[in-house]
Amino acid sequence: MILTKEKIKHFKNYGMVKIENFMNKNEAKAFLREVERLSKSKNTNIAKYYQENLLGTKNELFRIEYFYNFSKKFKLLIDSPKVKRIVNKLGGKKFKIFKEKINIKPPYSREDRLHQDVQGDWMKYSNNFVTFLVSLVKTEKNNGELIFDKSGNNKNKIKGKMFKILKTKELKSPKFKSLPLNIGDAIFFNGYVPHKSTKNSTKKNRTQIYITYCEPKFKNTRKKYFLEKFKNCPPNLSNKKNKFVFKN
């Protein structure tokens, strides 16, 4: 079984758990092809975010969000009984989809600074989150490897200020540990465990899927979240003639 008693205990103790070989290489390749399709799609309902690379030479697509209703393949993954069974077991509740994103992290993109996911003002929507992350490529220190606080001391409460970089001094005796991933490896983590990633100094994308589930406070939690997200941080589509349209 993928989810053993030991892994459930690890999640409770540290706010996260790694599950190796969640997908096989062929499945991961199929999702990479779907990411490529979404990247090239002219559907302006798909939220795309572009960012200048560290070299300052070009704007590149670094994140895709809000694609649940525009990708049959991803919808099957998000609604997968296998994924939901793990999420509900780890969270201890019946969870629903909160948000979905693909982090592409293209060549020469910046590091992700230390943070807790709930610092994105998530607390208004729920107090209980589980994110399912699956890596579609192998990750190492030089291409955006993830680093988690494995102390177990900061996994249950918000420590940092909203929308601010989390400072190490705000944490209780953190112990940061790198988590290299092979193709198809997954991590399940809650909304509080502090984490960050290294920059990508390679010439290839570091593509990972992040699906967050929650115990919702509202009937339409996902809709409420994205309405506010797109109001405060609208997608910056590469084609200026295309205007993002929020569609339920």
C-alpha atoms as a PDB file:
ATOM      1  CA  MET A   1       0.000   0.000   0.000  1.00  0.00           C
ATOM      2  CA  ILE A   2       1.152   3.550  -0.763  1.00  0.00           C
ATOM      3  CA  LEU A   3      -0.111   5.033   2.489  1.00  0.00           C
ATOM      4  CA  THR A   4       1.217   2.999   5.418  1.00  0.00           C
ATOM      5  CA  LYS A   5       0.657   3.617   9.122  1.00  0.00           C
ATOM      6  CA  GLU A   6       4.241   4.860   9.310  1.00  0.00           C
ATOM      7  CA  LYS A   7       3.610   7.448   6.607  1.00  0.00           C
ATOM      8  CA  ILE A   8       0.428   8.661   8.310  1.00  0.00           C
ATOM      9  CA  LYS A   9       2.385   9.021  11.558  1.00  0.00           C
ATOM     10  CA  HIS A  10       5.140  10.905   9.702  1.00  0.00           C
ATOM     11  CA  PHE A  11       2.571  13.360   8.310  1.00  0.00           C
ATOM     12  CA  LYS A  12       1.114  13.959  11.777  1.00  0.00           C
ATOM     13  CA  ASN A  13       4.564  14.500  13.277  1.00  0.00           C
ATOM     14  CA  TYR A  14       6.045  16.717  10.580  1.00  0.00           C
ATOM     15  CA  GLY A  15       3.144  18.097   8.514  1.00  0.00           C
ATOM     16  CA  MET A  16       4.372  16.388   5.369  1.00  0.00           C
ATOM     17  CA  VAL A  17       5.212  12.987   3.916  1.00  0.00           C
ATOM     18  CA  LYS A  18       6.989  11.826   0.772  1.00  0.00           C
ATOM     19  CA  ILE A  19       5.542   8.973  -1.288  1.00  0.00           C
ATOM     20  CA  GLU A  20       7.912   7.530  -3.859  1.00  0.00           C
ATOM     21  CA  ASN A  21       6.785   6.243  -7.263  1.00  0.00           C
ATOM     22  CA  PHE A  22       3.286   7.698  -7.002  1.00  0.00           C
ATOM     23  CA  MET A  23       3.286   7.819 -10.796  1.00  0.00           C
ATOM     24  CA  ASN A  24       5.326   5.763 -13.215  1.00  0.00           C
ATOM     25  CA  LYS A  25       7.492   7.449 -15.851  1.00  0.00           C
ATOM     26  CA  ASN A  26       4.996   6.927 -18.667  1.00  0.00           C
ATOM     27  CA  GLU A  27       2.218   8.564 -16.642  1.00  0.00           C
ATOM     28  CA  ALA A  28       4.497  11.485 -15.810  1.00  0.00           C
ATOM     29  CA  LYS A  29       5.405  11.909 -19.488  1.00  0.00           C
ATOM     30  CA  ALA A  30       1.710  11.985 -20.394  1.00  0.00           C
ATOM     31  CA  PHE A  31       1.115  14.779 -17.884  1.00  0.00           C
ATOM     32  CA  LEU A  32       4.110  16.680 -19.245  1.00  0.00           C
ATOM     33  CA  ARG A  33       2.470  16.546 -22.668  1.00  0.00           C
ATOM     34  CA  GLU A  34      -0.754  17.888 -21.139  1.00  0.00           C
ATOM     35  CA  VAL A  35       1.176  20.704 -19.454  1.00  0.00           C
ATOM     36  CA  GLU A  36       2.648  21.552 -22.850  1.00  0.00           C
ATOM     37  CA  ARG A  37      -0.843  21.578 -24.360  1.00  0.00           C
ATOM     38  CA  LEU A  38      -2.126  23.923 -21.652  1.00  0.00           C
ATOM     39  CA  SER A  39       0.939  26.135 -22.089  1.00  0.00           C
ATOM     40  CA  LYS A  40       0.169  26.603 -25.789  1.00  0.00           C
ATOM     41  CA  SER A  41      -3.615  26.764 -25.426  1.00  0.00           C
ATOM     42  CA  LYS A  42      -5.313  29.966 -26.571  1.00  0.00           C
ATOM     43  CA  ASN A  43      -8.108  29.438 -24.058  1.00  0.00           C
ATOM     44  CA  THR A  44      -8.057  32.692 -22.091  1.00  0.00           C
ATOM     45  CA  ASN A  45      -9.955  31.110 -19.202  1.00  0.00           C
ATOM     46  CA  ILE A  46      -6.759  29.299 -18.184  1.00  0.00           C
ATOM     47  CA  ALA A  47      -4.762  31.473 -15.794  1.00  0.00           C
ATOM     48  CA  LYS A  48      -1.145  31.900 -16.880  1.00  0.00           C
ATOM     49  CA  TYR A  49       1.576  33.819 -15.083  1.00  0.00           C
ATOM     50  CA  TYR A  50       4.802  35.015 -16.703  1.00  0.00           C
ATOM     51  CA  GLN A  51       7.990  36.134 -15.010  1.00  0.00           C
ATOM     52  CA  GLU A  52      11.334  37.525 -16.123  1.00  0.00           C
ATOM     53  CA  ASN A  53      14.179  35.045 -15.674  1.00  0.00           C
ATOM     54  CA  LEU A  54      17.232  35.731 -13.510  1.00  0.00           C
ATOM     55  CA  LEU A  55      19.251  36.648 -16.599  1.00  0.00           C
ATOM     56  CA  GLY A  56      16.755  39.379 -17.455  1.00  0.00           C
ATOM     57  CA  THR A  57      16.560  38.150 -21.026  1.00  0.00           C
ATOM     58  CA  LYS A  58      12.937  37.063 -21.375  1.00  0.00           C
ATOM     59  CA  ASN A  59       9.519  36.677 -19.788  1.00  0.00           C
ATOM     60  CA  GLU A  60       8.661  33.015 -19.442  1.00  0.00           C
ATOM     61  CA  LEU A  61       5.606  31.085 -18.354  1.00  0.00           C
ATOM     62  CA  PHE A  62       6.292  29.946 -14.809  1.00  0.00           C
ATOM     63  CA  ARG A  63       2.861  29.016 -13.451  1.00  0.00           C
ATOM     64  CA  ILE A  64      -0.532  27.826 -14.712  1.00  0.00           C
ATOM     65  CA  GLU A  65      -3.637  27.892 -12.527  1.00  0.00           C
ATOM     66  CA  TYR A  66      -7.385  27.398 -12.799  1.00  0.00           C
ATOM     67  CA  PHE A  67      -7.402  24.574 -15.339  1.00  0.00           C
ATOM     68  CA  TYR A  68      -9.695  22.051 -13.605  1.00  0.00           C
ATOM     69  CA  ASN A  69     -12.539  22.562 -16.088  1.00  0.00           C
ATOM     70  CA  PHE A  70     -10.263  22.812 -19.123  1.00  0.00           C
ATOM     71  CA  SER A  71      -8.300  19.589 -18.909  1.00  0.00           C
ATOM     72  CA  LYS A  72      -9.978  16.194 -18.753  1.00  0.00           C
ATOM     73  CA  LYS A  73      -6.681  14.586 -17.808  1.00  0.00           C
ATOM     74  CA  PHE A  74      -6.045  16.855 -14.855  1.00  0.00           C
ATOM     75  CA  LYS A  75      -9.668  16.681 -13.761  1.00  0.00           C
ATOM     76  CA  LEU A  76      -9.384  12.886 -13.549  1.00  0.00           C
ATOM     77  CA  LEU A  77      -6.246  13.253 -11.416  1.00  0.00           C
ATOM     78  CA  ILE A  78      -7.774  15.868  -9.123  1.00  0.00           C
ATOM     79  CA  ASP A  79     -10.935  13.789  -8.622  1.00  0.00           C
ATOM     80  CA  SER A  80      -9.017  10.511  -8.415  1.00  0.00           C
ATOM     81  CA  PRO A  81     -10.296   8.210  -5.633  1.00  0.00           C
ATOM     82  CA  LYS A  82      -6.667   7.271  -4.989  1.00  0.00           C
ATOM     83  CA  VAL A  83      -5.636  10.871  -4.333  1.00  0.00           C
ATOM     84  CA  LYS A  84      -8.757  11.752  -2.352  1.00  0.00           C
ATOM     85  CA  ARG A  85      -8.409   8.652  -0.190  1.00  0.00           C
ATOM     86  CA  ILE A  86      -4.889   9.696   0.814  1.00  0.00           C
ATOM     87  CA  VAL A  87      -5.837  13.345   1.343  1.00  0.00           C
ATOM     88  CA  ASN A  88      -8.848  12.472   3.508  1.00  0.00           C
ATOM     89  CA  LYS A  89      -6.828   9.973   5.527  1.00  0.00           C
ATOM     90  CA  LEU A  90      -4.060  12.477   6.190  1.00  0.00           C
ATOM     91  CA  GLY A  91      -6.401  15.378   6.862  1.00  0.00           C
ATOM     92  CA  GLY A  92      -8.831  13.367   8.956  1.00  0.00           C
ATOM     93  CA  LYS A  93     -11.807  14.935   7.183  1.00  0.00           C
ATOM     94  CA  LYS A  94     -13.659  14.793   3.883  1.00  0.00           C
ATOM     95  CA  PHE A  95     -11.814  17.372   1.820  1.00  0.00           C
ATOM     96  CA  LYS A  96     -12.754  19.201  -1.376  1.00  0.00           C
ATOM     97  CA  ILE A  97     -10.649  20.811  -4.083  1.00  0.00           C
ATOM     98  CA  PHE A  98      -9.403  24.271  -3.067  1.00  0.00           C
ATOM     99  CA  LYS A  99      -7.007  25.252  -5.848  1.00  0.00           C
ATOM    100  CA  GLU A 100      -4.828  23.782  -8.570  1.00  0.00           C
ATOM    101  CA  LYS A 101      -1.591  24.952 -10.119  1.00  0.00           C
ATOM    102  CA  ILE A 102       1.342  23.799 -12.206  1.00  0.00           C
ATOM    103  CA  ASN A 103       4.740  25.221 -11.287  1.00  0.00           C
ATOM    104  CA  ILE A 104       6.865  25.099 -14.414  1.00  0.00           C
ATOM    105  CA  LYS A 105       9.926  26.855 -12.970  1.00  0.00           C
ATOM    106  CA  PRO A 106      11.682  27.431 -16.315  1.00  0.00           C
ATOM    107  CA  PRO A 107      15.464  27.700 -16.791  1.00  0.00           C
ATOM    108  CA  TYR A 108      17.197  30.389 -14.734  1.00  0.00           C
ATOM    109  CA  SER A 109      14.138  31.142 -12.617  1.00  0.00           C
ATOM    110  CA  ARG A 110      14.391  32.447  -9.066  1.00  0.00           C
ATOM    111  CA  GLU A 111      14.161  30.479  -5.876  1.00  0.00           C
ATOM    112  CA  ASP A 112      10.930  30.353  -3.894  1.00  0.00           C
ATOM    113  CA  ARG A 113      11.549  32.063  -0.573  1.00  0.00           C
ATOM    114  CA  LEU A 114      10.644  30.525   2.764  1.00  0.00           C
ATOM    115  CA  HIS A 115       6.903  30.579   3.407  1.00  0.00           C
ATOM    116  CA  GLN A 116       3.826  28.838   4.748  1.00  0.00           C
ATOM    117  CA  ASP A 117       1.070  28.383   2.183  1.00  0.00           C
ATOM    118  CA  VAL A 118      -1.544  29.826   4.558  1.00  0.00           C
ATOM    119  CA  GLN A 119       0.325  33.156   4.404  1.00  0.00           C
ATOM    120  CA  GLY A 120      -1.493  33.676   1.112  1.00  0.00           C
ATOM    121  CA  ASP A 121      -4.532  34.656   3.201  1.00  0.00           C
ATOM    122  CA  TRP A 122      -5.913  31.130   3.003  1.00  0.00           C
ATOM    123  CA  MET A 123      -7.254  31.136   6.556  1.00  0.00           C
ATOM    124  CA  LYS A 124     -10.453  32.878   5.509  1.00  0.00           C
ATOM    125  CA  TYR A 125     -11.358  29.801   3.441  1.00  0.00           C
ATOM    126  CA  SER A 126     -10.326  26.970   5.755  1.00  0.00           C
ATOM    127  CA  ASN A 127      -8.089  26.039   8.684  1.00  0.00           C
ATOM    128  CA  ASN A 128      -7.203  22.629   7.303  1.00  0.00           C
ATOM    129  CA  PHE A 129      -5.354  22.043   4.019  1.00  0.00           C
ATOM    130  CA  VAL A 130      -3.533  19.173   2.337  1.00  0.00           C
ATOM    131  CA  THR A 131      -1.558  19.755  -0.850  1.00  0.00           C
ATOM    132  CA  PHE A 132      -0.736  16.912  -3.204  1.00  0.00           C
ATOM    133  CA  LEU A 133       2.484  17.599  -5.100  1.00  0.00           C
ATOM    134  CA  VAL A 134       3.805  15.296  -7.793  1.00  0.00           C
ATOM    135  CA  SER A 135       7.040  15.945  -9.649  1.00  0.00           C
ATOM    136  CA  LEU A 136       7.086  15.280 -13.394  1.00  0.00           C
ATOM    137  CA  VAL A 137      10.864  15.610 -13.535  1.00  0.00           C
ATOM    138  CA  LYS A 138      13.799  14.700 -11.347  1.00  0.00           C
ATOM    139  CA  THR A 139      14.707  17.475  -8.908  1.00  0.00           C
ATOM    140  CA  GLU A 140      18.092  18.314  -7.425  1.00  0.00           C
ATOM    141  CA  LYS A 141      19.698  21.290  -5.730  1.00  0.00           C
ATOM    142  CA  ASN A 142      20.491  23.016  -9.047  1.00  0.00           C
ATOM    143  CA  ASN A 143      16.980  22.890 -10.550  1.00  0.00           C
ATOM    144  CA  GLY A 144      14.557  23.906  -7.822  1.00  0.00           C
ATOM    145  CA  GLU A 145      14.774  21.234  -5.170  1.00  0.00           C
ATOM    146  CA  LEU A 146      12.249  21.564  -2.336  1.00  0.00           C
ATOM    147  CA  ILE A 147      13.366  22.206   1.228  1.00  0.00           C
ATOM    148  CA  PHE A 148      11.024  21.578   4.166  1.00  0.00           C
ATOM    149  CA  ASP A 149      11.219  22.315   7.875  1.00  0.00           C
ATOM    150  CA  LYS A 150      11.414  18.790   9.333  1.00  0.00           C
ATOM    151  CA  SER A 151      11.482  19.838  12.991  1.00  0.00           C
ATOM    152  CA  GLY A 152       7.774  19.272  13.506  1.00  0.00           C
ATOM    153  CA  ASN A 153       7.708  22.436  15.626  1.00  0.00           C
ATOM    154  CA  ASN A 154       5.978  24.716  13.113  1.00  0.00           C
ATOM    155  CA  LYS A 155       3.420  22.495  11.423  1.00  0.00           C
ATOM    156  CA  ASN A 156       0.172  23.523  13.103  1.00  0.00           C
ATOM    157  CA  LYS A 157       0.052  27.322  13.364  1.00  0.00           C
ATOM    158  CA  ILE A 158       0.620  30.316  11.150  1.00  0.00           C
ATOM    159  CA  LYS A 159       3.963  31.886  12.031  1.00  0.00           C
ATOM    160  CA  GLY A 160       4.522  34.573   9.428  1.00  0.00           C
ATOM    161  CA  LYS A 161       2.708  37.687   8.254  1.00  0.00           C
ATOM    162  CA  MET A 162       0.343  37.629   5.294  1.00  0.00           C
ATOM    163  CA  PHE A 163       2.071  37.944   1.909  1.00  0.00           C
ATOM    164  CA  LYS A 164       5.487  38.452   3.550  1.00  0.00           C
ATOM    165  CA  ILE A 165       8.609  36.333   3.326  1.00  0.00           C
ATOM    166  CA  LEU A 166       8.728  34.033   6.338  1.00  0.00           C
ATOM    167  CA  LYS A 167      11.730  34.725   8.553  1.00  0.00           C
ATOM    168  CA  THR A 168      13.652  31.915  10.197  1.00  0.00           C
ATOM    169  CA  LYS A 169      13.560  33.808  13.504  1.00  0.00           C
ATOM    170  CA  GLU A 170       9.751  33.576  13.452  1.00  0.00           C
ATOM    171  CA  LEU A 171       9.998  29.794  13.661  1.00  0.00           C
ATOM    172  CA  LYS A 172      10.616  27.543  16.650  1.00  0.00           C
ATOM    173  CA  SER A 173      13.888  25.636  16.239  1.00  0.00           C
ATOM    174  CA  PRO A 174      13.439  24.743  12.550  1.00  0.00           C
ATOM    175  CA  LYS A 175      15.405  21.952  10.871  1.00  0.00           C
ATOM    176  CA  PHE A 176      15.517  22.395   7.120  1.00  0.00           C
ATOM    177  CA  LYS A 177      15.988  19.327   4.958  1.00  0.00           C
ATOM    178  CA  SER A 178      16.257  19.042   1.166  1.00  0.00           C
ATOM    179  CA  LEU A 179      13.883  16.608  -0.509  1.00  0.00           C
ATOM    180  CA  PRO A 180      15.193  15.511  -3.924  1.00  0.00           C
ATOM    181  CA  LEU A 181      12.494  13.855  -6.016  1.00  0.00           C
ATOM    182  CA  ASN A 182      12.572  11.339  -8.817  1.00  0.00           C
ATOM    183  CA  ILE A 183      10.078  11.395 -11.672  1.00  0.00           C
ATOM    184  CA  GLY A 184       6.657  10.478 -10.279  1.00  0.00           C
ATOM    185  CA  ASP A 185       7.502  10.990  -6.608  1.00  0.00           C
ATOM    186  CA  ALA A 186       4.875  12.829  -4.573  1.00  0.00           C
ATOM    187  CA  ILE A 187       4.759  14.887  -1.395  1.00  0.00           C
ATOM    188  CA  PHE A 188       1.634  15.510   0.664  1.00  0.00           C
ATOM    189  CA  PHE A 189       1.896  18.470   3.034  1.00  0.00           C
ATOM    190  CA  ASN A 190      -0.372  20.682   5.078  1.00  0.00           C
ATOM    191  CA  GLY A 191      -0.830  24.437   4.768  1.00  0.00           C
ATOM    192  CA  TYR A 192       1.409  25.329   7.711  1.00  0.00           C
ATOM    193  CA  VAL A 193       4.696  23.456   7.290  1.00  0.00           C
ATOM    194  CA  PRO A 194       7.393  25.986   6.226  1.00  0.00           C
ATOM    195  CA  HIS A 195       9.105  25.279   2.920  1.00  0.00           C
ATOM    196  CA  LYS A 196      11.088  26.856   0.102  1.00  0.00           C
ATOM    197  CA  SER A 197      12.957  25.824  -3.045  1.00  0.00           C
ATOM    198  CA  THR A 198      16.234  26.539  -4.770  1.00  0.00           C
ATOM    199  CA  LYS A 199      16.542  28.444  -8.040  1.00  0.00           C
ATOM    200  CA  ASN A 200      16.659  26.592 -11.346  1.00  0.00           C
ATOM    201  CA  SER A 201      20.107  27.125 -12.830  1.00  0.00           C
ATOM    202  CA  THR A 202      19.681  24.447 -15.503  1.00  0.00           C
ATOM    203  CA  LYS A 203      18.421  24.679 -19.075  1.00  0.00           C
ATOM    204  CA  LYS A 204      15.289  22.580 -18.477  1.00  0.00           C
ATOM    205  CA  ASN A 205      11.960  23.205 -16.777  1.00  0.00           C
ATOM    206  CA  ARG A 206      11.312  21.857 -13.291  1.00  0.00           C
ATOM    207  CA  THR A 207       7.651  20.970 -13.743  1.00  0.00           C
ATOM    208  CA  GLN A 208       5.525  19.963 -10.771  1.00  0.00           C
ATOM    209  CA  ILE A 209       1.793  19.637 -10.117  1.00  0.00           C
ATOM    210  CA  TYR A 210       0.313  21.133  -6.938  1.00  0.00           C
ATOM    211  CA  ILE A 211      -3.286  20.297  -6.048  1.00  0.00           C
ATOM    212  CA  THR A 212      -4.578  21.689  -2.752  1.00  0.00           C
ATOM    213  CA  TYR A 213      -7.610  20.294  -0.949  1.00  0.00           C
ATOM    214  CA  CYS A 214      -9.316  21.710   2.117  1.00  0.00           C
ATOM    215  CA  GLU A 215     -12.064  21.370   4.662  1.00  0.00           C
ATOM    216  CA  PRO A 216     -14.075  24.305   3.252  1.00  0.00           C
ATOM    217  CA  LYS A 217     -15.764  27.037   5.248  1.00  0.00           C
ATOM    218  CA  PHE A 218     -18.044  27.926   2.323  1.00  0.00           C
ATOM    219  CA  LYS A 219     -20.064  26.071  -0.273  1.00  0.00           C
ATOM    220  CA  ASN A 220     -18.130  27.654  -3.132  1.00  0.00           C
ATOM    221  CA  THR A 221     -14.715  27.980  -1.491  1.00  0.00           C
ATOM    222  CA  ARG A 222     -12.702  27.418  -4.676  1.00  0.00           C
ATOM    223  CA  LYS A 223     -14.750  30.030  -6.567  1.00  0.00           C
ATOM    224  CA  LYS A 224     -14.370  32.577  -3.754  1.00  0.00           C
ATOM    225  CA  TYR A 225     -10.638  32.004  -3.591  1.00  0.00           C
ATOM    226  CA  PHE A 226     -10.021  32.431  -7.313  1.00  0.00           C
ATOM    227  CA  LEU A 227     -12.307  35.467  -7.566  1.00  0.00           C
ATOM    228  CA  GLU A 228     -10.196  37.238  -4.975  1.00  0.00           C
ATOM    229  CA  LYS A 229      -6.915  35.883  -6.330  1.00  0.00           C
ATOM    230  CA  PHE A 230      -7.566  37.143  -9.843  1.00  0.00           C
ATOM    231  CA  LYS A 231      -8.749  40.501  -8.542  1.00  0.00           C
ATOM    232  CA  ASN A 232      -5.558  41.087  -6.552  1.00  0.00           C
ATOM    233  CA  CYS A 233      -3.129  39.145  -8.741  1.00  0.00           C
ATOM    234  CA  PRO A 234      -4.527  38.842 -12.267  1.00  0.00           C
ATOM    235  CA  PRO A 235      -2.884  36.544 -14.807  1.00  0.00           C
ATOM    236  CA  ASN A 236      -0.446  38.375 -17.087  1.00  0.00           C
ATOM    237  CA  LEU A 237      -1.118  36.676 -20.418  1.00  0.00           C
ATOM    238  CA  SER A 238       1.690  36.927 -22.936  1.00  0.00           C
ATOM    239  CA  ASN A 239      -0.663  38.102 -25.682  1.00  0.00           C
ATOM    240  CA  LYS A 240      -1.823  41.525 -24.471  1.00  0.00           C
ATOM    241  CA  LYS A 241      -4.843  41.372 -26.780  1.00  0.00           C
ATOM    242  CA  ASN A 242      -6.189  38.420 -24.827  1.00  0.00           C
ATOM    243  CA  LYS A 243      -8.031  39.279 -21.629  1.00  0.00           C
ATOM    244  CA  PHE A 244      -8.392  36.661 -18.930  1.00  0.00           C
ATOM    245  CA  VAL A 245     -12.014  35.679 -18.326  1.00  0.00           C
ATOM    246  CA  PHE A 246     -13.113  34.092 -15.065  1.00  0.00           C
ATOM    247  CA  LYS A 247     -15.409  31.216 -15.949  1.00  0.00           C
ATOM    248  CA  ASN A 248     -16.915  28.810 -13.439  1.00  0.00           C
END
